[in-house]
């Protein structure tokens, strides 16, 4: 069942974690699969051949807003689907290189592998 994280962002836990919670400024490593919510067309998957887990600093704007907000509710070992409106994703610009149209709603399946 989806829970509201913020306006335009929801989270559905797929697998509960048991470690510490992601904090603003933490360096976080995740496995990620990004999809267009409409039809669930995949545009990125860190488990695909040649890809690797993604590392970023949480809560400081290094990633799109909806991802930041969703990650700050997750803990080590947790896997969740974070769904967001276009405004919390790539907005009116979209991300043409990945086939993401303007204002597209997105869903990211994230698994927190490491928090530093």
N, C-alpha and C. Protein backbone atom coordinates (compact mmCIF):
# COMPACT_ATOMS: atom_id res chain seq x y z
N UNK A 1 0.83 -1.18 0.00
CA UNK A 1 0.00 0.00 0.00
C UNK A 1 0.88 1.25 0.00
N UNK A 2 0.56 2.19 -0.84
CA UNK A 2 1.35 3.41 -0.97
C UNK A 2 1.04 4.37 0.18
N UNK A 3 2.10 4.99 0.68
CA UNK A 3 1.95 6.04 1.68
C UNK A 3 2.48 7.34 1.10
N UNK A 4 1.85 8.44 1.49
CA UNK A 4 2.23 9.75 0.99
C UNK A 4 3.50 10.22 1.70
N UNK A 5 4.51 10.58 0.91
CA UNK A 5 5.76 11.13 1.44
C UNK A 5 5.64 12.65 1.49
N UNK A 6 5.15 13.22 0.40
CA UNK A 6 4.94 14.66 0.28
C UNK A 6 3.95 14.86 -0.86
N UNK A 7 3.60 16.11 -1.13
CA UNK A 7 2.69 16.39 -2.26
C UNK A 7 3.37 15.92 -3.55
N UNK A 8 2.75 14.93 -4.22
CA UNK A 8 3.29 14.43 -5.48
C UNK A 8 4.27 13.27 -5.36
N UNK A 9 4.52 12.76 -4.14
CA UNK A 9 5.45 11.65 -3.94
C UNK A 9 4.82 10.61 -3.02
N UNK A 10 4.81 9.34 -3.47
CA UNK A 10 4.33 8.24 -2.64
C UNK A 10 5.40 7.15 -2.57
N UNK A 11 5.28 6.32 -1.55
CA UNK A 11 6.24 5.23 -1.33
C UNK A 11 5.48 3.96 -1.01
N UNK A 12 5.87 2.86 -1.66
CA UNK A 12 5.34 1.54 -1.37
C UNK A 12 6.52 0.65 -0.99
N UNK A 13 6.54 0.15 0.24
CA UNK A 13 7.63 -0.71 0.68
C UNK A 13 7.47 -2.08 0.03
N UNK A 14 8.55 -2.54 -0.61
CA UNK A 14 8.59 -3.87 -1.23
C UNK A 14 9.24 -4.86 -0.27
N UNK A 15 10.31 -4.42 0.40
CA UNK A 15 11.02 -5.23 1.39
C UNK A 15 11.48 -4.31 2.51
N UNK A 16 11.07 -4.60 3.74
CA UNK A 16 11.47 -3.77 4.87
C UNK A 16 12.96 -3.89 5.12
N UNK A 17 13.56 -2.79 5.55
CA UNK A 17 14.96 -2.80 5.95
C UNK A 17 15.05 -2.88 7.46
N UNK A 18 16.28 -2.97 7.97
CA UNK A 18 16.45 -3.09 9.41
C UNK A 18 17.60 -2.23 9.93
N UNK A 19 18.19 -1.45 9.08
CA UNK A 19 19.33 -0.65 9.49
C UNK A 19 18.96 0.79 9.75
N UNK A 20 19.98 1.65 9.82
CA UNK A 20 19.74 3.07 10.07
C UNK A 20 18.98 3.74 8.92
N UNK A 21 18.32 4.84 9.23
CA UNK A 21 17.58 5.62 8.24
C UNK A 21 18.52 6.58 7.52
N UNK A 22 18.26 6.80 6.25
CA UNK A 22 19.02 7.77 5.46
C UNK A 22 18.81 9.16 6.07
N UNK A 23 19.89 9.89 6.26
CA UNK A 23 19.83 11.25 6.81
C UNK A 23 20.26 12.25 5.74
N UNK A 24 19.77 13.47 5.83
CA UNK A 24 20.17 14.54 4.93
C UNK A 24 21.70 14.69 5.00
N UNK A 25 22.36 14.66 3.84
CA UNK A 25 23.80 14.78 3.78
C UNK A 25 24.53 13.45 3.77
N UNK A 26 23.82 12.34 4.06
CA UNK A 26 24.44 11.01 4.00
C UNK A 26 24.82 10.67 2.57
N UNK A 27 25.89 9.91 2.41
CA UNK A 27 26.23 9.35 1.11
C UNK A 27 25.56 7.99 1.05
N UNK A 28 24.70 7.81 0.05
CA UNK A 28 23.86 6.62 -0.06
C UNK A 28 24.16 5.89 -1.36
N UNK A 29 24.25 4.57 -1.28
CA UNK A 29 24.41 3.74 -2.48
C UNK A 29 23.16 2.89 -2.63
N UNK A 30 22.57 2.94 -3.83
CA UNK A 30 21.32 2.22 -4.10
C UNK A 30 21.41 1.42 -5.39
N UNK A 31 20.64 0.34 -5.44
CA UNK A 31 20.29 -0.28 -6.72
C UNK A 31 19.02 0.42 -7.14
N UNK A 32 18.86 0.67 -8.42
CA UNK A 32 17.73 1.47 -8.88
C UNK A 32 17.21 0.98 -10.22
N UNK A 33 15.90 1.01 -10.35
CA UNK A 33 15.25 0.80 -11.65
C UNK A 33 14.26 1.94 -11.81
N UNK A 34 14.43 2.74 -12.86
CA UNK A 34 13.56 3.86 -13.13
C UNK A 34 12.61 3.55 -14.28
N UNK A 35 11.33 3.90 -14.09
CA UNK A 35 10.31 3.60 -15.10
C UNK A 35 9.36 4.77 -15.25
N UNK A 36 8.82 4.93 -16.45
CA UNK A 36 7.71 5.86 -16.65
C UNK A 36 6.50 5.21 -16.00
N UNK A 37 5.81 5.92 -15.13
CA UNK A 37 4.67 5.34 -14.42
C UNK A 37 3.59 4.92 -15.41
N UNK A 38 3.40 5.68 -16.47
CA UNK A 38 2.43 5.35 -17.51
C UNK A 38 2.99 4.21 -18.37
N UNK A 39 2.57 2.99 -18.08
CA UNK A 39 3.02 1.83 -18.85
C UNK A 39 4.25 1.16 -18.26
N UNK A 40 4.88 1.78 -17.25
CA UNK A 40 6.04 1.23 -16.55
C UNK A 40 7.19 0.89 -17.51
N UNK A 41 7.41 1.75 -18.51
CA UNK A 41 8.52 1.56 -19.45
C UNK A 41 9.83 1.92 -18.74
N UNK A 42 10.74 0.94 -18.67
CA UNK A 42 12.02 1.14 -17.99
C UNK A 42 12.92 2.06 -18.80
N UNK A 43 13.58 3.01 -18.09
CA UNK A 43 14.57 3.86 -18.76
C UNK A 43 15.94 3.76 -18.13
N UNK A 44 16.05 3.10 -16.96
CA UNK A 44 17.36 2.96 -16.31
C UNK A 44 17.29 1.82 -15.31
N UNK A 45 18.33 1.00 -15.26
CA UNK A 45 18.39 -0.09 -14.30
C UNK A 45 19.85 -0.35 -13.96
N UNK A 46 20.22 -0.14 -12.70
CA UNK A 46 21.62 -0.31 -12.29
C UNK A 46 22.05 -1.77 -12.26
N UNK A 47 21.10 -2.70 -12.41
CA UNK A 47 21.47 -4.12 -12.44
C UNK A 47 21.68 -4.62 -13.87
N UNK A 48 21.44 -3.79 -14.87
CA UNK A 48 21.69 -4.18 -16.25
C UNK A 48 23.19 -4.38 -16.48
N UNK A 49 23.57 -5.23 -17.43
CA UNK A 49 24.99 -5.42 -17.73
C UNK A 49 25.69 -4.08 -18.02
N UNK A 50 26.86 -3.91 -17.43
CA UNK A 50 27.64 -2.69 -17.63
C UNK A 50 27.28 -1.55 -16.69
N UNK A 51 26.20 -1.71 -15.91
CA UNK A 51 25.78 -0.69 -14.95
C UNK A 51 26.30 -1.06 -13.56
N UNK A 52 26.27 -0.10 -12.64
CA UNK A 52 26.65 -0.38 -11.26
C UNK A 52 25.75 0.41 -10.32
N UNK A 53 25.76 0.04 -9.07
CA UNK A 53 24.95 0.73 -8.07
C UNK A 53 25.28 2.23 -8.13
N UNK A 54 24.29 3.05 -7.78
CA UNK A 54 24.40 4.50 -7.88
C UNK A 54 24.62 5.10 -6.50
N UNK A 55 25.60 5.99 -6.39
CA UNK A 55 25.92 6.64 -5.12
C UNK A 55 25.69 8.14 -5.24
N UNK A 56 25.05 8.73 -4.22
CA UNK A 56 24.76 10.16 -4.23
C UNK A 56 24.65 10.65 -2.78
N UNK A 57 24.66 11.95 -2.62
CA UNK A 57 24.46 12.55 -1.30
C UNK A 57 22.98 12.89 -1.16
N UNK A 58 22.34 12.36 -0.14
CA UNK A 58 20.89 12.48 0.04
C UNK A 58 20.47 13.84 0.58
N UNK A 59 19.35 14.33 0.06
CA UNK A 59 18.70 15.51 0.63
C UNK A 59 19.36 16.84 0.33
N UNK A 60 20.28 16.87 -0.61
CA UNK A 60 20.98 18.12 -0.91
C UNK A 60 20.84 18.54 -2.38
N UNK A 61 19.90 17.91 -3.11
CA UNK A 61 19.63 18.33 -4.48
C UNK A 61 20.51 17.72 -5.55
N UNK A 62 21.24 16.65 -5.24
CA UNK A 62 22.06 15.99 -6.26
C UNK A 62 21.22 15.13 -7.21
N UNK A 63 20.00 14.80 -6.78
CA UNK A 63 19.09 13.99 -7.60
C UNK A 63 17.75 14.73 -7.68
N UNK A 64 16.83 14.23 -8.49
CA UNK A 64 15.54 14.89 -8.61
C UNK A 64 14.81 14.91 -7.27
N UNK A 65 13.95 15.89 -7.09
CA UNK A 65 13.32 16.17 -5.80
C UNK A 65 12.55 14.98 -5.23
N UNK A 66 11.76 14.32 -6.06
CA UNK A 66 10.97 13.19 -5.57
C UNK A 66 11.82 12.04 -5.07
N UNK A 67 12.96 11.83 -5.73
CA UNK A 67 13.88 10.77 -5.31
C UNK A 67 14.48 11.15 -3.96
N UNK A 68 14.95 12.38 -3.83
CA UNK A 68 15.50 12.86 -2.56
C UNK A 68 14.50 12.67 -1.42
N UNK A 69 13.27 13.14 -1.63
CA UNK A 69 12.26 13.06 -0.58
C UNK A 69 11.96 11.61 -0.20
N UNK A 70 11.85 10.75 -1.20
CA UNK A 70 11.58 9.33 -0.93
C UNK A 70 12.72 8.65 -0.21
N UNK A 71 13.95 8.91 -0.64
CA UNK A 71 15.12 8.27 -0.02
C UNK A 71 15.27 8.64 1.44
N UNK A 72 14.90 9.86 1.80
CA UNK A 72 15.03 10.30 3.19
C UNK A 72 14.06 9.57 4.13
N UNK A 73 13.16 8.76 3.58
CA UNK A 73 12.24 7.97 4.41
C UNK A 73 12.67 6.50 4.48
N UNK A 74 13.78 6.15 3.82
CA UNK A 74 14.20 4.76 3.72
C UNK A 74 15.32 4.42 4.71
N UNK A 75 15.48 3.12 4.97
CA UNK A 75 16.55 2.67 5.85
C UNK A 75 17.39 1.61 5.14
N UNK A 76 18.52 1.31 5.73
CA UNK A 76 19.45 0.34 5.15
C UNK A 76 18.75 -0.99 4.93
N UNK A 77 18.91 -1.54 3.73
CA UNK A 77 18.31 -2.82 3.38
C UNK A 77 16.90 -2.73 2.84
N UNK A 78 16.28 -1.58 2.93
CA UNK A 78 14.91 -1.41 2.46
C UNK A 78 14.87 -1.34 0.94
N UNK A 79 13.82 -1.92 0.37
CA UNK A 79 13.53 -1.79 -1.06
C UNK A 79 12.12 -1.22 -1.16
N UNK A 80 11.97 -0.15 -1.94
CA UNK A 80 10.67 0.51 -2.05
C UNK A 80 10.48 1.08 -3.44
N UNK A 81 9.22 1.24 -3.82
CA UNK A 81 8.86 1.93 -5.06
C UNK A 81 8.49 3.36 -4.69
N UNK A 82 9.22 4.32 -5.25
CA UNK A 82 8.96 5.74 -5.03
C UNK A 82 8.32 6.27 -6.31
N UNK A 83 7.08 6.71 -6.22
CA UNK A 83 6.37 7.26 -7.39
C UNK A 83 6.22 8.76 -7.21
N UNK A 84 6.37 9.48 -8.32
CA UNK A 84 6.33 10.94 -8.22
C UNK A 84 5.68 11.56 -9.44
N UNK A 85 5.10 12.73 -9.20
CA UNK A 85 4.53 13.53 -10.29
C UNK A 85 5.66 14.10 -11.14
N UNK A 86 5.32 14.57 -12.31
CA UNK A 86 6.32 15.20 -13.18
C UNK A 86 7.01 16.37 -12.52
N UNK A 87 6.28 17.12 -11.70
CA UNK A 87 6.86 18.29 -11.03
C UNK A 87 7.96 17.89 -10.05
N UNK A 88 7.90 16.69 -9.49
CA UNK A 88 8.93 16.21 -8.56
C UNK A 88 9.97 15.36 -9.27
N UNK A 89 9.78 15.18 -10.60
CA UNK A 89 10.74 14.44 -11.41
C UNK A 89 11.57 15.38 -12.25
N UNK A 90 11.46 15.24 -13.58
CA UNK A 90 12.26 16.07 -14.49
C UNK A 90 11.50 17.28 -15.02
N UNK A 91 10.26 17.48 -14.53
CA UNK A 91 9.51 18.69 -14.84
C UNK A 91 9.21 18.88 -16.31
N UNK A 92 9.06 20.15 -16.69
CA UNK A 92 8.66 20.50 -18.05
C UNK A 92 9.76 20.24 -19.08
N UNK A 93 10.98 20.04 -18.61
CA UNK A 93 12.09 19.74 -19.53
C UNK A 93 12.12 18.26 -19.92
N UNK A 94 11.62 17.39 -19.04
CA UNK A 94 11.76 15.96 -19.26
C UNK A 94 13.24 15.61 -19.23
N UNK A 95 13.57 14.44 -19.75
CA UNK A 95 14.97 14.01 -19.88
C UNK A 95 15.04 13.23 -21.19
N UNK A 96 15.12 13.96 -22.33
CA UNK A 96 15.06 13.32 -23.64
C UNK A 96 16.08 12.21 -23.86
N UNK A 97 17.26 12.32 -23.29
CA UNK A 97 18.29 11.30 -23.49
C UNK A 97 17.83 9.93 -22.99
N UNK A 98 16.94 9.90 -22.02
CA UNK A 98 16.43 8.64 -21.49
C UNK A 98 15.00 8.37 -21.95
N UNK A 99 14.48 9.19 -22.87
CA UNK A 99 13.13 8.99 -23.37
C UNK A 99 12.05 9.40 -22.39
N UNK A 100 12.38 10.31 -21.47
CA UNK A 100 11.41 10.79 -20.48
C UNK A 100 10.78 12.07 -21.01
N UNK A 101 9.48 12.03 -21.34
CA UNK A 101 8.83 13.22 -21.88
C UNK A 101 8.59 14.29 -20.80
N UNK A 102 8.31 15.51 -21.22
CA UNK A 102 8.01 16.58 -20.26
C UNK A 102 6.87 16.18 -19.32
N UNK A 103 7.02 16.55 -18.05
CA UNK A 103 5.99 16.36 -17.01
C UNK A 103 5.58 14.91 -16.78
N UNK A 104 6.46 13.97 -17.13
CA UNK A 104 6.14 12.54 -16.96
C UNK A 104 6.17 12.14 -15.49
N UNK A 105 5.16 11.36 -15.09
CA UNK A 105 5.18 10.74 -13.76
C UNK A 105 6.15 9.57 -13.81
N UNK A 106 6.93 9.40 -12.73
CA UNK A 106 7.99 8.40 -12.70
C UNK A 106 7.84 7.50 -11.48
N UNK A 107 8.33 6.27 -11.61
CA UNK A 107 8.44 5.35 -10.49
C UNK A 107 9.86 4.80 -10.47
N UNK A 108 10.48 4.86 -9.30
CA UNK A 108 11.82 4.30 -9.11
C UNK A 108 11.73 3.22 -8.05
N UNK A 109 12.22 2.02 -8.38
CA UNK A 109 12.39 0.99 -7.37
C UNK A 109 13.81 1.15 -6.85
N UNK A 110 13.94 1.47 -5.57
CA UNK A 110 15.22 1.72 -4.94
C UNK A 110 15.48 0.70 -3.84
N UNK A 111 16.72 0.22 -3.74
CA UNK A 111 17.13 -0.60 -2.63
C UNK A 111 18.37 0.02 -2.02
N UNK A 112 18.31 0.35 -0.73
CA UNK A 112 19.42 1.01 -0.05
C UNK A 112 20.46 -0.06 0.33
N UNK A 113 21.64 0.05 -0.30
CA UNK A 113 22.71 -0.91 -0.07
C UNK A 113 23.70 -0.44 0.99
N UNK A 114 23.92 0.89 1.05
CA UNK A 114 24.95 1.42 1.96
C UNK A 114 24.60 2.86 2.31
N UNK A 115 24.85 3.23 3.56
CA UNK A 115 24.68 4.61 4.04
C UNK A 115 25.97 4.99 4.76
N UNK A 116 26.57 6.11 4.34
CA UNK A 116 27.79 6.58 4.99
C UNK A 116 27.62 8.01 5.47
